[in-house]
Amino acid sequence: MLARVWQVVYTATQFADAPEVQILVDGRRVEALGGEGVMIGSPLRRRATPPSL
């Protein structure tokens, strides 16, 4: 799940006018995603170095 979230973040933030992305579920902000509890409650931005999975 973590890899999927970061794929969305890195794809969406490849453009200069989109430095961060907010992931919504059914149009609503949720704090965590999936059984793993991947935190998505606030906008996410690219890290200087990609996360190790």
N, C-alpha and C. Protein backbone atom coordinates (compact mmCIF):
# COMPACT_ATOMS: atom_id res chain seq x y z
N MET A 1 0.83 -1.18 0.00
CA MET A 1 0.00 0.00 0.00
C MET A 1 0.88 1.26 0.00
N LEU A 2 1.94 1.21 0.77
CA LEU A 2 2.84 2.37 0.84
C LEU A 2 3.42 2.69 -0.54
N ALA A 3 3.82 1.67 -1.27
CA ALA A 3 4.36 1.88 -2.61
C ALA A 3 3.32 2.51 -3.54
N ARG A 4 2.09 2.10 -3.41
CA ARG A 4 1.03 2.66 -4.25
C ARG A 4 0.80 4.13 -3.94
N VAL A 5 0.78 4.46 -2.66
CA VAL A 5 0.60 5.87 -2.28
C VAL A 5 1.73 6.72 -2.84
N TRP A 6 2.97 6.28 -2.67
CA TRP A 6 4.10 7.07 -3.16
C TRP A 6 4.12 7.14 -4.68
N GLN A 7 3.63 6.13 -5.37
CA GLN A 7 3.54 6.21 -6.83
C GLN A 7 2.59 7.32 -7.24
N VAL A 8 1.46 7.42 -6.57
CA VAL A 8 0.51 8.50 -6.85
C VAL A 8 1.16 9.85 -6.56
N VAL A 9 1.82 9.98 -5.42
CA VAL A 9 2.46 11.24 -5.04
C VAL A 9 3.51 11.65 -6.07
N TYR A 10 4.39 10.74 -6.45
CA TYR A 10 5.46 11.07 -7.40
C TYR A 10 4.91 11.36 -8.79
N THR A 11 3.85 10.68 -9.20
CA THR A 11 3.25 10.95 -10.51
C THR A 11 2.56 12.32 -10.51
N ALA A 12 1.79 12.62 -9.48
CA ALA A 12 1.04 13.87 -9.43
C ALA A 12 1.92 15.09 -9.22
N THR A 13 3.05 14.92 -8.55
CA THR A 13 3.90 16.07 -8.24
C THR A 13 5.05 16.26 -9.22
N GLN A 14 4.98 15.61 -10.37
CA GLN A 14 6.04 15.78 -11.36
C GLN A 14 5.97 17.13 -12.04
N PHE A 15 4.88 17.86 -11.84
CA PHE A 15 4.70 19.17 -12.45
C PHE A 15 4.94 20.27 -11.42
N ALA A 16 5.58 21.35 -11.84
CA ALA A 16 5.96 22.43 -10.92
C ALA A 16 4.76 23.07 -10.22
N ASP A 17 3.61 23.14 -10.89
CA ASP A 17 2.44 23.77 -10.27
C ASP A 17 1.65 22.82 -9.38
N ALA A 18 2.19 21.64 -9.11
CA ALA A 18 1.55 20.69 -8.19
C ALA A 18 2.62 20.15 -7.23
N PRO A 19 3.08 20.97 -6.27
CA PRO A 19 4.15 20.53 -5.37
C PRO A 19 3.70 19.52 -4.31
N GLU A 20 2.38 19.39 -4.12
CA GLU A 20 1.87 18.44 -3.15
C GLU A 20 0.53 17.91 -3.62
N VAL A 21 0.12 16.79 -3.04
CA VAL A 21 -1.13 16.14 -3.44
C VAL A 21 -1.88 15.68 -2.19
N GLN A 22 -3.19 15.84 -2.23
CA GLN A 22 -4.04 15.36 -1.14
C GLN A 22 -4.84 14.19 -1.67
N ILE A 23 -4.73 13.05 -1.03
CA ILE A 23 -5.46 11.86 -1.45
C ILE A 23 -6.78 11.81 -0.69
N LEU A 24 -7.87 11.73 -1.44
CA LEU A 24 -9.21 11.66 -0.86
C LEU A 24 -9.82 10.30 -1.15
N VAL A 25 -10.67 9.84 -0.26
CA VAL A 25 -11.38 8.58 -0.44
C VAL A 25 -12.87 8.92 -0.50
N ASP A 26 -13.50 8.61 -1.63
CA ASP A 26 -14.90 8.98 -1.86
C ASP A 26 -15.13 10.47 -1.62
N GLY A 27 -14.15 11.29 -2.02
CA GLY A 27 -14.27 12.74 -1.90
C GLY A 27 -14.05 13.29 -0.50
N ARG A 28 -13.63 12.44 0.42
CA ARG A 28 -13.42 12.86 1.81
C ARG A 28 -11.98 12.64 2.23
N ARG A 29 -11.52 13.52 3.10
CA ARG A 29 -10.18 13.38 3.67
C ARG A 29 -10.24 12.32 4.76
N VAL A 30 -9.33 11.37 4.72
CA VAL A 30 -9.21 10.35 5.76
C VAL A 30 -7.79 10.40 6.30
N GLU A 31 -7.61 9.97 7.53
CA GLU A 31 -6.28 10.03 8.16
C GLU A 31 -5.35 8.93 7.67
N ALA A 32 -5.90 7.73 7.47
CA ALA A 32 -5.05 6.59 7.10
C ALA A 32 -5.73 5.76 6.02
N LEU A 33 -4.91 5.02 5.28
CA LEU A 33 -5.41 4.22 4.18
C LEU A 33 -4.98 2.77 4.35
N GLY A 34 -5.90 1.86 4.13
CA GLY A 34 -5.58 0.44 4.17
C GLY A 34 -5.35 -0.09 5.57
N GLY A 35 -5.23 -1.40 5.65
CA GLY A 35 -4.99 -2.05 6.93
C GLY A 35 -3.63 -1.72 7.52
N GLU A 36 -2.70 -1.27 6.65
CA GLU A 36 -1.36 -0.92 7.11
C GLU A 36 -1.34 0.43 7.83
N GLY A 37 -2.38 1.24 7.60
CA GLY A 37 -2.45 2.54 8.25
C GLY A 37 -1.51 3.57 7.63
N VAL A 38 -1.40 3.57 6.30
CA VAL A 38 -0.56 4.56 5.61
C VAL A 38 -1.20 5.93 5.82
N MET A 39 -0.46 6.84 6.42
CA MET A 39 -0.99 8.16 6.77
C MET A 39 -1.13 9.04 5.54
N ILE A 40 -2.38 9.50 5.28
CA ILE A 40 -2.65 10.37 4.14
C ILE A 40 -3.54 11.54 4.55
N GLY A 41 -3.57 11.87 5.82
CA GLY A 41 -4.47 12.90 6.34
C GLY A 41 -4.11 14.33 5.98
N SER A 42 -2.89 14.56 5.52
CA SER A 42 -2.48 15.89 5.12
C SER A 42 -1.82 15.79 3.74
N PRO A 43 -1.69 16.93 3.05
CA PRO A 43 -1.08 16.88 1.72
C PRO A 43 0.33 16.26 1.77
N LEU A 44 0.64 15.49 0.75
CA LEU A 44 1.94 14.81 0.66
C LEU A 44 2.75 15.46 -0.45
N ARG A 45 4.06 15.56 -0.24
CA ARG A 45 4.95 16.08 -1.27
C ARG A 45 6.12 15.15 -1.45
N ARG A 46 6.78 15.31 -2.58
CA ARG A 46 7.96 14.49 -2.87
C ARG A 46 9.01 14.67 -1.80
N ARG A 47 9.67 13.61 -1.47
CA ARG A 47 10.81 13.67 -0.56
C ARG A 47 12.06 13.94 -1.37
N ALA A 48 13.09 14.48 -0.73
CA ALA A 48 14.36 14.72 -1.42
C ALA A 48 14.94 13.41 -1.95
N THR A 49 14.76 12.35 -1.17
CA THR A 49 15.17 11.01 -1.61
C THR A 49 13.95 10.12 -1.54
N PRO A 50 13.76 9.26 -2.52
CA PRO A 50 12.57 8.38 -2.51
C PRO A 50 12.54 7.52 -1.25
N PRO A 51 11.34 7.25 -0.73
CA PRO A 51 11.22 6.40 0.46
C PRO A 51 11.68 4.98 0.16
N SER A 52 12.30 4.35 1.13
CA SER A 52 12.67 2.94 0.95
C SER A 52 11.49 2.09 1.39
N LEU A 53 11.14 1.14 0.58
CA LEU A 53 9.96 0.32 0.87
C LEU A 53 10.31 -1.03 1.31
